[in-house]
Amino acid sequence: MKKADLSSKEKILLAAQKEFAARGYSGARMEAIARGAAINKAMLFYYFSSKDNLYRTVLFGVFSEFFGEIGRFVSQQLTPDLFLEKFPEIHIRFIARHPDLVRIMVFDLIHNPENVTAAMTEIIKEKMSFKPQPFFELLRRWHKQGLVSESDPVHFMMNIIALAIFSFIGKPMVEAISGIRVASDEEFYRRRIASVVNVLQRGMLK
């Protein structure tokens, strides 16, 4: 969809995502978001009463898509090997489609961690249909059944996320070493997914 075809609210959210990615929550300016959306500031506050509300709406929009994909994938019939095969691809493909999300999260986890923690807590507890606790129970059950080596579901997921996300956080270093443009190289993503799956299945399955 072309930018000209977007509604005013959609233009605001797109401009806000770019501004938060560039400057974080504290540095982002509502005036800059209004300019980026090509609307006046009064219209911006008509749709979103505050910067905090706009920030949380941006995060909610992106994470609702991500957790929606995860929710459709997770089921009681899910096996550890299938999860470790499919989740890295879902995660890496999602970040590739939403590069601003990584910039927002990394920026604010360093400079404004309390705010991003509060926003994520609200989103997960109050707005998301997908809840982590039942999934964590599934991970604990896999360990008790002797299927996976990691007993702590938090560390289980951190191991996966760390491998998937570094290609994006460390993109300048990756591009300097490899000589390829990560963002535009489909073969890189395909091989990265296969490599992550290989490491996880060899290291985490029993």
Protein backbone atom coordinates (compact mmCIF):
# COMPACT_ATOMS: atom_id res chain seq x y z
CA MET A 1 0.00 0.00 0.00
CA LYS A 2 1.31 3.43 -0.96
CA LYS A 3 1.68 6.07 1.74
CA ALA A 4 -0.87 8.24 -0.06
CA ASP A 5 -3.46 5.49 0.40
CA LEU A 6 -2.98 5.32 4.18
CA SER A 7 -5.41 6.86 6.66
CA SER A 8 -4.24 9.70 8.92
CA LYS A 9 -3.98 7.29 11.85
CA GLU A 10 -1.90 4.83 9.84
CA LYS A 11 0.40 7.65 8.70
CA ILE A 12 0.86 8.73 12.33
CA LEU A 13 1.75 5.21 13.45
CA LEU A 14 4.23 4.80 10.59
CA ALA A 15 5.88 8.16 11.35
CA ALA A 16 5.91 7.41 15.07
CA GLN A 17 7.60 4.06 14.53
CA LYS A 18 10.37 5.78 12.55
CA GLU A 19 10.78 8.54 15.16
CA PHE A 20 10.90 6.15 18.12
CA ALA A 21 13.37 3.94 16.26
CA ALA A 22 15.64 6.91 15.55
CA ARG A 23 15.47 8.65 18.94
CA GLY A 24 13.88 6.32 21.47
CA TYR A 25 10.95 7.22 23.67
CA SER A 26 12.63 10.12 25.52
CA GLY A 27 14.14 11.71 22.43
CA ALA A 28 11.11 11.35 20.15
CA ARG A 29 9.17 14.57 19.49
CA MET A 30 5.49 14.79 18.70
CA GLU A 31 6.20 17.70 16.33
CA ALA A 32 8.54 15.50 14.30
CA ILE A 33 5.95 12.71 14.18
CA ALA A 34 3.30 15.17 12.97
CA ARG A 35 5.65 16.40 10.23
CA GLY A 36 6.48 12.85 9.23
CA ALA A 37 2.80 12.01 8.96
CA ALA A 38 2.10 15.27 7.06
CA ILE A 39 -0.62 16.31 9.52
CA ASN A 40 -0.97 19.08 12.09
CA LYS A 41 -0.11 18.48 15.73
CA ALA A 42 -3.73 18.92 16.86
CA MET A 43 -4.76 15.98 14.68
CA LEU A 44 -1.98 13.91 16.23
CA PHE A 45 -3.36 14.52 19.73
CA TYR A 46 -6.88 13.90 18.48
CA TYR A 47 -5.95 10.32 17.64
CA PHE A 48 -3.40 9.79 20.43
CA SER A 49 -3.77 11.81 23.60
CA SER A 50 -0.11 11.55 24.63
CA LYS A 51 3.31 10.38 23.52
CA ASP A 52 3.05 7.50 25.98
CA ASN A 53 -0.23 6.35 24.42
CA LEU A 54 1.26 6.60 20.94
CA TYR A 55 4.39 4.69 21.97
CA ARG A 56 2.36 1.85 23.45
CA THR A 57 0.10 1.75 20.43
CA VAL A 58 3.12 1.38 18.14
CA LEU A 59 4.50 -1.48 20.24
CA PHE A 60 1.11 -3.13 20.54
CA GLY A 61 0.57 -3.05 16.78
CA VAL A 62 3.86 -4.77 16.06
CA PHE A 63 3.73 -7.28 18.90
CA SER A 64 0.12 -8.21 18.24
CA GLU A 65 1.21 -9.36 14.80
CA PHE A 66 4.17 -11.30 16.22
CA PHE A 67 2.27 -13.00 19.03
CA GLY A 68 -0.57 -13.71 16.62
CA GLU A 69 1.85 -15.72 14.49
CA ILE A 70 3.20 -17.50 17.57
CA GLY A 71 -0.28 -18.21 18.90
CA ARG A 72 -1.29 -19.88 15.63
CA PHE A 73 1.86 -21.99 15.76
CA VAL A 74 1.83 -23.12 19.41
CA SER A 75 -0.45 -26.03 20.30
CA GLN A 76 -0.57 -28.98 22.64
CA GLN A 77 0.62 -31.20 19.76
CA LEU A 78 3.78 -29.13 19.34
CA THR A 79 7.02 -31.07 19.78
CA PRO A 80 10.40 -29.64 20.87
CA ASP A 81 12.13 -30.47 17.59
CA LEU A 82 9.34 -28.86 15.56
CA PHE A 83 9.37 -25.77 17.77
CA LEU A 84 13.13 -25.39 17.46
CA GLU A 85 12.79 -25.79 13.70
CA LYS A 86 9.96 -23.32 13.12
CA PHE A 87 10.25 -20.62 15.80
CA PRO A 88 13.63 -19.23 14.63
CA GLU A 89 12.23 -18.80 11.12
CA ILE A 90 9.11 -17.03 12.40
CA HIS A 91 11.25 -14.76 14.58
CA ILE A 92 13.91 -13.92 12.02
CA ARG A 93 11.41 -13.34 9.21
CA PHE A 94 9.33 -11.12 11.47
CA ILE A 95 12.28 -8.94 12.50
CA ALA A 96 13.35 -8.67 8.86
CA ARG A 97 9.89 -7.25 8.07
CA HIS A 98 10.00 -4.90 11.10
CA PRO A 99 13.57 -3.60 11.45
CA ASP A 100 12.38 -0.52 13.38
CA LEU A 101 11.20 -2.75 16.23
CA VAL A 102 14.75 -3.86 17.04
CA ARG A 103 15.95 -0.25 17.04
CA ILE A 104 13.13 0.84 19.36
CA MET A 105 13.63 -2.00 21.81
CA VAL A 106 17.43 -1.81 21.94
CA PHE A 107 17.43 1.99 22.26
CA ASP A 108 14.93 2.03 25.10
CA LEU A 109 16.23 -1.06 26.90
CA ILE A 110 19.50 0.87 27.26
CA HIS A 111 18.23 4.40 27.86
CA ASN A 112 14.72 3.96 29.24
CA PRO A 113 14.24 0.37 30.46
CA GLU A 114 11.49 1.15 32.98
CA ASN A 115 9.26 2.61 30.31
CA VAL A 116 9.63 -0.24 27.84
CA THR A 117 9.16 -2.78 30.64
CA ALA A 118 5.95 -1.08 31.75
CA ALA A 119 4.68 -0.89 28.18
CA MET A 120 5.42 -4.55 27.48
CA THR A 121 3.85 -5.66 30.78
CA GLU A 122 0.64 -3.83 29.90
CA ILE A 123 0.58 -5.20 26.37
CA ILE A 124 1.10 -8.82 27.44
CA LYS A 125 -1.22 -8.76 30.46
CA GLU A 126 -4.08 -6.66 29.15
CA LYS A 127 -4.10 -6.68 25.36
CA MET A 128 -2.64 -9.94 24.07
CA SER A 129 -4.66 -13.12 23.66
CA PHE A 130 -1.41 -15.11 23.69
CA LYS A 131 -0.17 -15.58 27.27
CA PRO A 132 3.38 -16.75 28.05
CA GLN A 133 2.65 -18.75 31.21
CA PRO A 134 0.85 -21.71 29.55
CA PHE A 135 3.65 -21.86 27.00
CA PHE A 136 6.26 -21.79 29.78
CA GLU A 137 4.44 -24.71 31.40
CA LEU A 138 4.77 -26.62 28.14
CA LEU A 139 8.53 -25.97 28.14
CA ARG A 140 8.80 -27.20 31.74
CA ARG A 141 6.85 -30.33 30.79
CA TRP A 142 9.25 -31.01 27.93
CA HIS A 143 12.16 -30.85 30.39
CA LYS A 144 10.45 -33.17 32.88
CA GLN A 145 9.81 -35.61 30.03
CA GLY A 146 13.50 -35.57 29.21
CA LEU A 147 12.99 -33.97 25.80
CA VAL A 148 14.99 -30.75 26.27
CA SER A 149 18.11 -29.98 28.29
CA GLU A 150 17.14 -26.53 29.64
CA SER A 151 14.84 -26.55 32.68
CA ASP A 152 14.21 -22.79 32.90
CA PRO A 153 11.74 -21.60 30.23
CA VAL A 154 13.05 -18.03 30.41
CA HIS A 155 16.58 -19.13 29.55
CA PHE A 156 15.20 -21.57 26.99
CA MET A 157 13.61 -18.66 25.11
CA MET A 158 16.53 -16.28 25.66
CA ASN A 159 18.86 -18.80 24.00
CA ILE A 160 16.64 -18.86 20.91
CA ILE A 161 16.00 -15.12 20.76
CA ALA A 162 19.67 -14.22 21.22
CA LEU A 163 20.71 -16.35 18.25
CA ALA A 164 17.94 -15.00 16.06
CA ILE A 165 18.26 -11.33 16.88
CA PHE A 166 22.02 -10.80 16.67
CA SER A 167 21.98 -10.70 12.88
CA PHE A 168 19.96 -7.50 13.19
CA ILE A 169 21.49 -5.88 16.28
CA GLY A 170 24.98 -6.58 14.99
CA LYS A 171 24.13 -5.89 11.36
CA PRO A 172 26.94 -3.34 10.71
CA MET A 173 29.53 -5.82 11.99
CA VAL A 174 27.92 -8.71 10.12
CA GLU A 175 27.90 -6.71 6.87
CA ALA A 176 31.50 -5.56 7.36
CA ILE A 177 32.73 -9.11 7.93
CA SER A 178 30.59 -10.83 5.28
CA GLY A 179 30.58 -8.13 2.61
CA ILE A 180 26.87 -8.61 1.96
CA ARG A 181 23.83 -6.41 2.52
CA VAL A 182 21.97 -8.40 5.16
CA ALA A 183 18.66 -6.56 4.76
CA SER A 184 18.39 -7.37 1.06
CA ASP A 185 19.95 -10.82 0.87
CA GLU A 186 17.37 -13.62 0.95
CA GLU A 187 20.06 -16.28 0.81
CA PHE A 188 21.63 -14.85 3.98
CA TYR A 189 18.33 -15.16 5.86
CA ARG A 190 17.77 -18.69 4.59
CA ARG A 191 21.22 -19.81 5.70
CA ARG A 192 20.97 -17.92 9.00
CA ILE A 193 17.70 -19.68 9.84
CA ALA A 194 19.20 -23.09 8.98
CA SER A 195 22.28 -22.38 11.10
CA VAL A 196 20.27 -21.24 14.12
CA VAL A 197 18.01 -24.30 13.88
CA ASN A 198 21.06 -26.58 13.67
CA VAL A 199 22.69 -25.04 16.77
CA LEU A 200 19.49 -25.11 18.80
CA GLN A 201 18.46 -28.66 17.95
CA ARG A 202 21.96 -30.01 18.61
CA GLY A 203 22.37 -28.09 21.84
CA MET A 204 18.90 -28.13 23.40
CA LEU A 205 17.28 -31.42 22.46
CA LYS A 206 17.99 -34.54 24.53
